[in-house]
């Protein structure tokens, strides 16, 4: 991959005008339009020369022989990184977002559903919200309750959440006394640990001290093997406003629509994409444009996401998906603000 050219002021001015106009109108941009956008500060001949150079460097392309130019993914990347000015949320819009997210007592899954809806409404794109997976939550308290037919009710109090429960079915019987001892051990030794880390730690103990296992750890191990602390469970993902993106002219192509809808339907793939982006080095809002997307189905889209945090830990994500011709300034500001509010609500919950 060649390095990104360093554009001078004139080239930046023309490129910015083209990107902004194309985002607003969705039509190829000609030199006369650029002259109007730049306040007639450059002659048409100069603008045509600059546009030709930008095209040769990979920032612009010409969809038809007689048409103007449209930005490439490279142009959008340069615009987002170097030219874009952040939009400011109006007080009315900020109030709308706060009202629709709800107050401090909103359960986390409901908060994620509301966040995806708000993001879609405000950005006019698809809103995404990925909640914490069970195994990523922090253990506050666990209780096992014996049920008939070798079944065990597992009640988990975790952060950032309230209470979750699941029913396990064991091959062999286990007494309520053994269950109480197992729960007391987990609560005493692992309170504040993530459920995944607890599971890994227990399996490591099993491997290191197989011959020295006492009856208590054997009971705990049985419960872990049956999934008491979660295993390979997908995090809850909320997708809102899919129809909005299909209204965009970029998705008149049936093949593109089919690919994109498949990506939205395969939640496991979307979760994998979001997870891979969250584990990158960027701490804040990320903008992924076109061919930068790890999934082929989303190579015609832009993704703006931010991590959700509980303390210093990343426990989820939210963002918007739209065409590469996206109002990036508005999307970034909106995602950043909604993430800030959700992080605050997660800490309260």
Protein backbone atom coordinates (compact mmCIF):
# COMPACT_ATOMS: atom_id res chain seq x y z
CA UNK A 1 0.00 0.00 0.00
CA UNK A 2 1.41 3.37 -0.97
CA UNK A 3 1.60 6.17 1.56
CA UNK A 4 -1.11 8.83 1.60
CA UNK A 5 -0.09 11.96 -0.39
CA UNK A 6 0.41 15.18 1.54
CA UNK A 7 -1.98 17.68 -0.03
CA UNK A 8 -1.38 21.43 -0.09
CA UNK A 9 -3.99 23.99 0.96
CA UNK A 10 -5.49 24.34 -2.54
CA UNK A 11 -5.92 20.61 -2.97
CA UNK A 12 -7.41 20.25 0.52
CA UNK A 13 -9.89 23.04 -0.18
CA UNK A 14 -11.08 21.44 -3.42
CA UNK A 15 -11.22 17.93 -1.94
CA UNK A 16 -13.19 19.14 1.07
CA UNK A 17 -15.69 20.94 -1.17
CA UNK A 18 -16.20 17.85 -3.32
CA UNK A 19 -16.66 15.51 -0.34
CA UNK A 20 -19.11 17.83 1.43
CA UNK A 21 -21.18 18.43 -1.70
CA UNK A 22 -21.28 14.76 -2.65
CA UNK A 23 -22.33 13.75 0.87
CA UNK A 24 -25.16 16.31 0.73
CA UNK A 25 -26.41 15.68 -2.83
CA UNK A 26 -25.19 12.24 -3.91
CA UNK A 27 -24.38 13.47 -7.43
CA UNK A 28 -21.00 13.68 -9.22
CA UNK A 29 -19.34 17.05 -8.63
CA UNK A 30 -18.07 19.25 -11.48
CA UNK A 31 -15.64 22.19 -11.48
CA UNK A 32 -18.43 24.78 -11.54
CA UNK A 33 -19.93 23.34 -8.38
CA UNK A 34 -16.53 23.38 -6.70
CA UNK A 35 -16.06 27.01 -7.71
CA UNK A 36 -19.39 27.85 -6.11
CA UNK A 37 -18.55 25.85 -2.96
CA UNK A 38 -15.19 27.59 -2.57
CA UNK A 39 -16.62 31.07 -3.03
CA UNK A 40 -15.04 31.63 -6.46
CA UNK A 41 -11.60 31.85 -4.84
CA UNK A 42 -10.16 29.56 -7.53
CA UNK A 43 -10.56 29.74 -11.31
CA UNK A 44 -12.31 26.93 -13.19
CA UNK A 45 -9.06 26.05 -14.96
CA UNK A 46 -7.22 25.77 -11.64
CA UNK A 47 -10.01 23.66 -10.17
CA UNK A 48 -10.00 21.29 -13.16
CA UNK A 49 -6.23 20.91 -12.84
CA UNK A 50 -6.48 20.20 -9.10
CA UNK A 51 -9.31 17.70 -9.65
CA UNK A 52 -7.27 15.88 -12.30
CA UNK A 53 -4.36 15.63 -9.87
CA UNK A 54 -6.62 14.39 -7.07
CA UNK A 55 -7.98 11.75 -9.42
CA UNK A 56 -4.49 10.60 -10.40
CA UNK A 57 -3.61 10.27 -6.70
CA UNK A 58 -6.66 8.09 -6.01
CA UNK A 59 -8.87 10.59 -4.15
CA UNK A 60 -11.47 10.97 -6.90
CA UNK A 61 -13.00 8.83 -9.60
CA UNK A 62 -15.21 9.54 -12.61
CA UNK A 63 -18.28 7.26 -12.77
CA UNK A 64 -19.12 8.26 -16.36
CA UNK A 65 -17.15 9.94 -19.12
CA UNK A 66 -19.34 13.05 -19.13
CA UNK A 67 -19.91 13.17 -15.37
CA UNK A 68 -18.10 15.04 -12.64
CA UNK A 69 -16.03 13.34 -9.94
CA UNK A 70 -17.00 11.42 -6.81
CA UNK A 71 -14.86 10.76 -3.72
CA UNK A 72 -13.16 7.40 -3.19
CA UNK A 73 -12.73 5.64 0.16
CA UNK A 74 -9.29 7.25 0.29
CA UNK A 75 -10.89 10.70 -0.01
CA UNK A 76 -13.33 9.99 2.81
CA UNK A 77 -10.49 8.77 5.00
CA UNK A 78 -8.45 11.91 4.36
CA UNK A 79 -11.53 14.06 4.98
CA UNK A 80 -12.35 12.36 8.31
CA UNK A 81 -8.76 12.40 9.55
CA UNK A 82 -7.66 15.87 8.42
CA UNK A 83 -10.45 18.07 7.08
CA UNK A 84 -13.65 17.35 8.94
CA UNK A 85 -14.91 19.79 11.54
CA UNK A 86 -16.88 18.18 14.35
CA UNK A 87 -20.60 18.95 14.39
CA UNK A 88 -22.17 20.35 17.54
CA UNK A 89 -25.32 18.80 18.97
CA UNK A 90 -28.05 21.35 19.49
CA UNK A 91 -29.50 21.52 23.03
CA UNK A 92 -32.80 20.22 21.65
CA UNK A 93 -31.13 17.19 20.05
CA UNK A 94 -29.10 16.44 23.18
CA UNK A 95 -32.31 16.60 25.23
CA UNK A 96 -34.06 14.28 22.73
CA UNK A 97 -31.26 11.71 23.08
CA UNK A 98 -31.25 11.88 26.89
CA UNK A 99 -35.04 11.55 27.07
CA UNK A 100 -35.13 8.51 24.77
CA UNK A 101 -32.33 6.67 26.55
CA UNK A 102 -34.25 6.88 29.83
CA UNK A 103 -33.18 7.26 33.43
CA UNK A 104 -30.87 5.48 35.84
CA UNK A 105 -33.13 2.47 36.44
CA UNK A 106 -33.24 1.21 32.85
CA UNK A 107 -32.18 -2.48 32.54
CA UNK A 108 -29.11 -2.88 30.37
CA UNK A 109 -30.72 -4.77 27.50
CA UNK A 110 -33.46 -2.16 27.32
CA UNK A 111 -30.77 0.54 27.36
CA UNK A 112 -29.03 -1.14 24.40
CA UNK A 113 -32.32 -1.38 22.47
CA UNK A 114 -33.04 2.29 23.11
CA UNK A 115 -29.50 3.31 22.14
CA UNK A 116 -29.73 1.55 18.76
CA UNK A 117 -33.09 3.23 18.12
CA UNK A 118 -31.83 6.71 19.07
CA UNK A 119 -28.71 6.32 16.92
CA UNK A 120 -30.82 5.33 13.92
CA UNK A 121 -33.28 8.19 14.44
CA UNK A 122 -30.65 10.90 14.85
CA UNK A 123 -28.19 9.75 12.18
CA UNK A 124 -30.75 8.46 9.62
CA UNK A 125 -28.62 5.33 9.34
CA UNK A 126 -28.67 1.87 10.92
CA UNK A 127 -28.14 1.96 14.68
CA UNK A 128 -26.17 -0.82 16.40
CA UNK A 129 -25.74 -1.58 20.09
CA UNK A 130 -23.75 -4.54 21.41
CA UNK A 131 -24.34 -5.29 25.07
CA UNK A 132 -22.02 -7.13 27.45
CA UNK A 133 -21.75 -10.89 26.92
CA UNK A 134 -22.57 -12.88 30.04
CA UNK A 135 -19.02 -14.16 30.38
CA UNK A 136 -17.59 -10.62 30.25
CA UNK A 137 -19.64 -9.39 33.20
CA UNK A 138 -18.21 -9.10 36.70
CA UNK A 139 -19.47 -11.49 39.34
CA UNK A 140 -21.21 -9.92 42.32
CA UNK A 141 -23.01 -12.98 43.65
CA UNK A 142 -24.02 -16.44 42.46
CA UNK A 143 -26.58 -18.88 43.83
CA UNK A 144 -27.49 -22.45 42.82
CA UNK A 145 -30.98 -23.82 43.51
CA UNK A 146 -31.79 -27.51 43.13
CA UNK A 147 -34.81 -28.28 40.92
CA UNK A 148 -36.49 -31.61 40.10
CA UNK A 149 -35.16 -33.93 37.37
CA UNK A 150 -31.44 -33.18 37.90
CA UNK A 151 -31.93 -29.52 37.01
CA UNK A 152 -30.14 -26.58 38.64
CA UNK A 153 -31.29 -22.96 38.60
CA UNK A 154 -28.28 -20.63 38.41
CA UNK A 155 -28.90 -17.06 39.58
CA UNK A 156 -26.10 -14.61 38.76
CA UNK A 157 -25.90 -11.06 40.03
CA UNK A 158 -23.32 -9.26 37.90
CA UNK A 159 -22.04 -5.89 36.86
CA UNK A 160 -22.86 -4.01 34.71
CA UNK A 161 -26.31 -5.59 35.01
CA UNK A 162 -28.91 -6.67 37.48
CA UNK A 163 -29.87 -10.36 37.74
CA UNK A 164 -29.74 -13.17 35.20
CA UNK A 165 -30.72 -16.80 35.56
CA UNK A 166 -30.38 -20.00 33.60
CA UNK A 167 -31.33 -23.64 34.12
CA UNK A 168 -28.74 -26.41 33.79
CA UNK A 169 -29.47 -30.10 33.46
CA UNK A 170 -26.88 -32.43 35.04
CA UNK A 171 -26.35 -36.08 34.22
CA UNK A 172 -25.99 -36.95 37.93
CA UNK A 173 -27.73 -35.74 41.02
CA UNK A 174 -26.14 -33.12 43.29
CA UNK A 175 -27.39 -32.08 46.72
CA UNK A 176 -28.45 -28.58 47.73
CA UNK A 177 -25.70 -28.68 50.36
CA UNK A 178 -23.07 -29.23 47.66
CA UNK A 179 -24.58 -26.44 45.60
CA UNK A 180 -24.48 -24.04 48.56
CA UNK A 181 -20.83 -24.89 49.24
CA UNK A 182 -19.96 -24.37 45.56
CA UNK A 183 -21.70 -20.98 45.48
CA UNK A 184 -20.02 -19.89 48.74
CA UNK A 185 -16.62 -20.82 47.30
CA UNK A 186 -17.20 -18.85 44.08
CA UNK A 187 -18.54 -15.82 45.94
CA UNK A 188 -15.65 -15.78 48.39
CA UNK A 189 -12.84 -16.37 45.89
CA UNK A 190 -13.99 -14.65 42.71
CA UNK A 191 -16.25 -11.70 43.49
CA UNK A 192 -15.38 -8.87 41.06
CA UNK A 193 -13.81 -11.23 38.47
CA UNK A 194 -15.20 -11.59 34.95
CA UNK A 195 -17.10 -14.83 34.47
CA UNK A 196 -14.75 -15.88 31.68
CA UNK A 197 -11.66 -15.31 33.84
CA UNK A 198 -13.25 -17.31 36.66
CA UNK A 199 -13.91 -20.21 34.30
CA UNK A 200 -10.36 -20.16 32.93
CA UNK A 201 -8.88 -19.97 36.44
CA UNK A 202 -10.94 -22.93 37.63
CA UNK A 203 -10.01 -25.06 34.63
CA UNK A 204 -6.36 -24.21 35.23
CA UNK A 205 -6.67 -25.34 38.86
CA UNK A 206 -8.26 -28.56 37.67
CA UNK A 207 -5.38 -29.21 35.29
CA UNK A 208 -2.65 -28.36 37.82
CA UNK A 209 -4.08 -30.31 40.75
CA UNK A 210 -6.06 -33.12 39.16
CA UNK A 211 -5.06 -35.72 41.76
CA UNK A 212 -5.52 -33.38 44.74
CA UNK A 213 -9.08 -32.32 43.98
CA UNK A 214 -11.34 -32.23 46.96
CA UNK A 215 -15.06 -32.87 46.71
CA UNK A 216 -15.90 -29.16 46.65
CA UNK A 217 -13.83 -28.39 43.58
CA UNK A 218 -15.19 -31.46 41.85
CA UNK A 219 -18.72 -30.09 42.36
CA UNK A 220 -17.70 -26.66 41.07
CA UNK A 221 -16.00 -28.26 38.07
CA UNK A 222 -19.16 -30.17 37.18
CA UNK A 223 -21.20 -26.98 37.25
CA UNK A 224 -18.64 -25.17 35.11
CA UNK A 225 -18.60 -27.93 32.52
CA UNK A 226 -22.38 -27.56 32.19
CA UNK A 227 -22.04 -23.81 31.52
CA UNK A 228 -22.92 -22.29 34.90
CA UNK A 229 -20.73 -19.25 34.17
CA UNK A 230 -21.53 -18.96 30.49
CA UNK A 231 -19.67 -20.43 27.54
CA UNK A 232 -19.67 -19.33 23.89
CA UNK A 233 -22.82 -17.27 24.47
CA UNK A 234 -23.29 -14.40 22.03
CA UNK A 235 -23.54 -10.91 23.44
CA UNK A 236 -26.94 -9.26 22.86
CA UNK A 237 -26.90 -7.22 19.63
CA UNK A 238 -29.60 -4.72 18.70
CA UNK A 239 -29.97 -3.51 15.09
CA UNK A 240 -32.42 -0.70 14.34
CA UNK A 241 -33.38 1.08 11.12
CA UNK A 242 -32.23 -1.36 8.43
CA UNK A 243 -34.79 0.08 6.01
CA UNK A 244 -33.10 3.49 6.22
CA UNK A 245 -29.92 2.35 4.51
CA UNK A 246 -31.87 0.63 1.75
CA UNK A 247 -33.40 3.98 0.82
CA UNK A 248 -29.98 5.31 -0.17
CA UNK A 249 -29.22 5.38 -3.92
CA UNK A 250 -25.95 3.51 -3.31
CA UNK A 251 -28.01 0.40 -2.55
CA UNK A 252 -30.23 0.27 -5.61
CA UNK A 253 -28.05 -2.66 -6.73
CA UNK A 254 -29.91 -5.83 -5.68
CA UNK A 255 -26.65 -7.74 -5.11
CA UNK A 256 -25.37 -5.09 -2.69
CA UNK A 257 -28.68 -5.11 -0.81
CA UNK A 258 -28.68 -8.90 -0.51
CA UNK A 259 -25.12 -8.94 0.82
CA UNK A 260 -25.82 -6.21 3.35
CA UNK A 261 -29.04 -7.79 4.62
CA UNK A 262 -27.23 -11.09 5.09
CA UNK A 263 -24.62 -9.30 7.20
CA UNK A 264 -27.33 -7.76 9.38
CA UNK A 265 -29.15 -11.09 9.73
CA UNK A 266 -25.99 -12.98 10.73
CA UNK A 267 -25.65 -11.41 14.14
CA UNK A 268 -22.70 -13.63 15.00
CA UNK A 269 -20.74 -12.08 12.13
CA UNK A 270 -21.67 -8.53 13.14
CA UNK A 271 -20.64 -9.28 16.72
CA UNK A 272 -17.34 -10.64 15.44
CA UNK A 273 -16.75 -7.50 13.35
CA UNK A 274 -17.53 -5.16 16.24
CA UNK A 275 -15.41 -7.24 18.59
CA UNK A 276 -12.39 -7.13 16.29
CA UNK A 277 -12.64 -3.34 16.01
CA UNK A 278 -13.03 -2.89 19.76
CA UNK A 279 -9.83 -4.80 20.46
CA UNK A 280 -7.77 -2.45 18.28
CA UNK A 281 -5.55 0.22 19.80
CA UNK A 282 -7.99 3.12 19.33
CA UNK A 283 -9.57 4.15 22.66
CA UNK A 284 -12.44 6.31 21.36
CA UNK A 285 -14.76 6.62 18.38
CA UNK A 286 -13.57 4.69 15.32
CA UNK A 287 -14.56 5.33 11.71
CA UNK A 288 -14.22 2.39 9.32
CA UNK A 289 -14.74 3.29 5.67
CA UNK A 290 -15.59 1.05 2.72
CA UNK A 291 -12.78 -1.36 1.92
CA UNK A 292 -11.37 -0.93 5.44
CA UNK A 293 -14.27 -3.08 6.68
CA UNK A 294 -13.17 -6.62 7.59
CA UNK A 295 -16.33 -8.16 6.06
CA UNK A 296 -16.83 -8.21 2.28
CA UNK A 297 -20.58 -7.65 2.73
CA UNK A 298 -19.91 -4.23 4.24
CA UNK A 299 -17.30 -2.93 1.77
CA UNK A 300 -19.85 -0.38 0.47
CA UNK A 301 -20.58 0.94 3.97
CA UNK A 302 -19.06 3.13 6.62
CA UNK A 303 -19.14 2.15 10.28
CA UNK A 304 -18.81 4.62 13.16
CA UNK A 305 -18.49 2.88 16.54
CA UNK A 306 -17.50 3.66 20.11
CA UNK A 307 -16.73 1.29 23.00
CA UNK A 308 -18.99 0.94 26.01
CA UNK A 309 -17.07 0.86 29.27
CA UNK A 310 -17.69 -0.27 32.80
CA UNK A 311 -14.83 1.25 34.77
CA UNK A 312 -11.72 0.61 32.69
CA UNK A 313 -13.14 -2.48 30.95
CA UNK A 314 -14.70 -2.52 27.48
CA UNK A 315 -17.99 -4.40 27.82
CA UNK A 316 -19.78 -3.57 24.56
CA UNK A 317 -20.10 -1.13 21.69
CA UNK A 318 -22.54 1.06 19.84
CA UNK A 319 -22.51 2.88 16.54
CA UNK A 320 -24.07 3.48 13.15
CA UNK A 321 -23.76 1.86 9.74
CA UNK A 322 -24.48 3.79 6.56
CA UNK A 323 -23.21 4.33 3.04
CA UNK A 324 -19.68 5.68 2.65
CA UNK A 325 -21.46 8.90 1.61
CA UNK A 326 -22.25 9.53 5.27
CA UNK A 327 -22.47 12.74 7.28
CA UNK A 328 -19.38 11.75 9.25
CA UNK A 329 -19.27 14.85 11.44
CA UNK A 330 -22.84 14.33 12.62
CA UNK A 331 -22.38 10.55 13.02
CA UNK A 332 -19.18 10.84 15.08
CA UNK A 333 -20.64 13.50 17.39
CA UNK A 334 -23.85 11.52 17.89
CA UNK A 335 -22.12 8.20 18.57
CA UNK A 336 -19.68 9.85 20.98
CA UNK A 337 -22.49 11.53 22.94
CA UNK A 338 -24.72 8.43 23.11
CA UNK A 339 -21.73 6.33 24.23
CA UNK A 340 -20.93 8.88 26.95
CA UNK A 341 -24.50 8.72 28.30
CA UNK A 342 -24.64 4.92 28.11
CA UNK A 343 -21.31 4.59 29.96
CA UNK A 344 -22.70 6.78 32.72
CA UNK A 345 -25.90 4.72 32.94
CA UNK A 346 -23.94 1.45 32.97
CA UNK A 347 -21.89 2.67 35.91
CA UNK A 348 -25.09 3.58 37.79
CA UNK A 349 -26.76 0.27 37.00
